[in-house]
Amino acid sequence: MGVEVTVISSDAAIITVCGELDADTGLALQHQLAGQVVHGRRHLVLDLADVPFMDSSGLRVIVRTVNDMRNVDGSVSLAAPTPVVRRVLDLTGMGMSCQIFDTADAACEALLGRTSAVSDRPAHATADR
């Protein structure tokens, strides 16, 4: 499994995952994602276009990351899941926990629009979730 990080703003990054996401590779991805929080990233886009297979271990990494990001008022969006991965996400109801986009570009556009809308609000206002 390969992981590429592209920073798109001071608090957001695209994490492009290549290869199978399973028990053998899930821990490495978890470490990469945790490192993004350490570096101040609060909003992540997981680009899954090159993930041909994901088992429950991979799903667990995504669920944990979604929960971790919520704890820091952040978000996780999933982008371009392959049909096999999309089926796993749909069967487990992940669409109720985070947004799933057809492309990484669409996820980034939504994310950048959402984060700028939040930062444009007065300090006492809270963002809708």
Protein backbone atom coordinates (compact mmCIF):
# COMPACT_ATOMS: atom_id res chain seq x y z
CA MET A 1 0.00 0.00 0.00
CA GLY A 2 1.20 3.47 -0.80
CA VAL A 3 0.07 6.74 0.75
CA GLU A 4 0.58 10.21 -0.69
CA VAL A 5 -0.28 13.37 1.24
CA THR A 6 -1.19 16.58 -0.57
CA VAL A 7 -1.73 19.62 1.65
CA ILE A 8 -4.52 21.80 0.22
CA SER A 9 -4.74 24.36 3.02
CA SER A 10 -3.19 24.94 6.42
CA ASP A 11 -5.72 22.63 8.05
CA ALA A 12 -6.69 20.27 5.22
CA ALA A 13 -5.05 17.51 3.19
CA ILE A 14 -5.83 14.89 0.59
CA ILE A 15 -4.62 11.42 1.54
CA THR A 16 -4.32 9.30 -1.60
CA VAL A 17 -4.24 5.59 -0.82
CA CYS A 18 -2.96 3.06 -3.38
CA GLY A 19 -3.32 -0.67 -2.94
CA GLU A 20 -5.33 -2.97 -0.73
CA LEU A 21 -6.50 -1.66 2.62
CA ASP A 22 -6.54 -4.62 4.96
CA ALA A 23 -5.05 -6.00 8.19
CA ASP A 24 -1.54 -5.87 6.72
CA THR A 25 -1.75 -2.23 5.63
CA GLY A 26 -4.33 -0.62 7.91
CA LEU A 27 -1.94 0.20 10.74
CA ALA A 28 0.43 2.05 8.41
CA LEU A 29 -2.46 4.15 7.11
CA GLN A 30 -3.64 4.82 10.66
CA HIS A 31 -0.20 6.20 11.54
CA GLN A 32 -0.21 8.42 8.46
CA LEU A 33 -3.65 9.79 9.33
CA ALA A 34 -2.74 10.38 12.97
CA GLY A 35 0.32 12.29 11.80
CA GLN A 36 -1.92 14.68 9.90
CA VAL A 37 -3.70 15.64 13.13
CA VAL A 38 -0.32 16.24 14.79
CA HIS A 39 0.53 18.60 11.93
CA GLY A 40 -2.66 20.61 12.48
CA ARG A 41 -4.82 19.10 9.77
CA ARG A 42 -8.46 19.06 10.85
CA HIS A 43 -10.07 18.16 7.53
CA LEU A 44 -9.05 15.14 5.48
CA VAL A 45 -10.09 13.83 2.09
CA LEU A 46 -9.32 10.13 1.67
CA ASP A 47 -8.91 9.44 -2.05
CA LEU A 48 -9.77 5.76 -2.49
CA ALA A 49 -9.69 5.62 -6.31
CA ASP A 50 -6.74 3.21 -6.30
CA VAL A 51 -7.94 0.91 -3.52
CA PRO A 52 -9.16 -2.31 -5.18
CA PHE A 53 -10.01 -4.07 -1.90
CA MET A 54 -10.84 -3.10 1.66
CA ASP A 55 -11.69 -5.44 4.52
CA SER A 56 -12.99 -4.75 8.04
CA SER A 57 -9.52 -3.67 9.18
CA GLY A 58 -9.48 -0.93 6.56
CA LEU A 59 -13.00 0.08 7.48
CA ARG A 60 -11.96 0.26 11.13
CA VAL A 61 -9.18 2.73 10.20
CA ILE A 62 -11.71 4.96 8.43
CA VAL A 63 -14.23 4.80 11.28
CA ARG A 64 -11.54 5.58 13.85
CA THR A 65 -10.30 8.50 11.78
CA VAL A 66 -13.82 9.90 11.39
CA ASN A 67 -14.28 9.72 15.17
CA ASP A 68 -10.84 11.21 15.89
CA MET A 69 -11.49 14.12 13.54
CA ARG A 70 -14.88 14.80 15.12
CA ASN A 71 -13.13 15.07 18.48
CA VAL A 72 -11.07 17.99 17.13
CA ASP A 73 -14.03 19.59 15.30
CA GLY A 74 -12.70 18.26 12.02
CA SER A 75 -14.07 16.16 9.19
CA VAL A 76 -13.27 13.28 6.89
CA SER A 77 -14.57 12.99 3.34
CA LEU A 78 -14.16 9.89 1.21
CA ALA A 79 -13.50 10.27 -2.50
CA ALA A 80 -13.77 8.05 -5.56
CA PRO A 81 -14.18 4.66 -3.91
CA THR A 82 -13.89 1.74 -6.32
CA PRO A 83 -17.08 -0.33 -6.74
CA VAL A 84 -15.87 -3.00 -4.30
CA VAL A 85 -14.93 -0.43 -1.65
CA ARG A 86 -18.13 1.56 -2.28
CA ARG A 87 -20.17 -1.58 -1.60
CA VAL A 88 -18.43 -2.04 1.78
CA LEU A 89 -19.04 1.63 2.62
CA ASP A 90 -22.71 1.39 1.60
CA LEU A 91 -23.34 -1.86 3.47
CA THR A 92 -21.88 -0.42 6.66
CA GLY A 93 -23.65 2.94 6.46
CA MET A 94 -20.47 5.03 6.26
CA GLY A 95 -22.37 7.62 4.23
CA MET A 96 -24.18 8.54 7.44
CA SER A 97 -20.87 9.26 9.21
CA CYS A 98 -19.02 11.14 6.50
CA GLN A 99 -19.57 12.46 3.01
CA ILE A 100 -18.67 10.25 0.06
CA PHE A 101 -17.86 11.95 -3.24
CA ASP A 102 -17.45 10.55 -6.75
CA THR A 103 -14.15 12.38 -7.24
CA ALA A 104 -11.38 13.86 -5.12
CA ASP A 105 -11.92 17.20 -6.87
CA ALA A 106 -15.57 17.28 -5.78
CA ALA A 107 -14.58 16.43 -2.21
CA CYS A 108 -11.96 19.20 -2.17
CA GLU A 109 -14.36 21.77 -3.58
CA ALA A 110 -16.93 20.92 -0.92
CA LEU A 111 -14.31 20.91 1.81
CA LEU A 112 -12.71 24.20 0.84
CA GLY A 113 -16.13 25.83 0.53
CA ARG A 114 -17.14 24.50 3.94
CA THR A 115 -13.94 25.51 5.74
CA SER A 116 -13.98 29.03 4.29
CA ALA A 117 -17.65 29.40 5.23
CA VAL A 118 -16.82 28.36 8.79
CA SER A 119 -13.83 30.70 9.01
CA ASP A 120 -15.90 33.61 7.64
CA ARG A 121 -18.40 33.34 10.49
CA PRO A 122 -18.13 35.50 13.58
CA ALA A 123 -16.14 33.87 16.39
CA HIS A 124 -19.24 33.28 18.50
CA ALA A 125 -21.12 31.38 15.78
CA THR A 126 -20.93 27.61 15.40
CA ALA A 127 -20.86 25.70 12.15
CA ASP A 128 -23.80 23.50 11.19
CA ARG A 129 -22.92 19.84 10.99
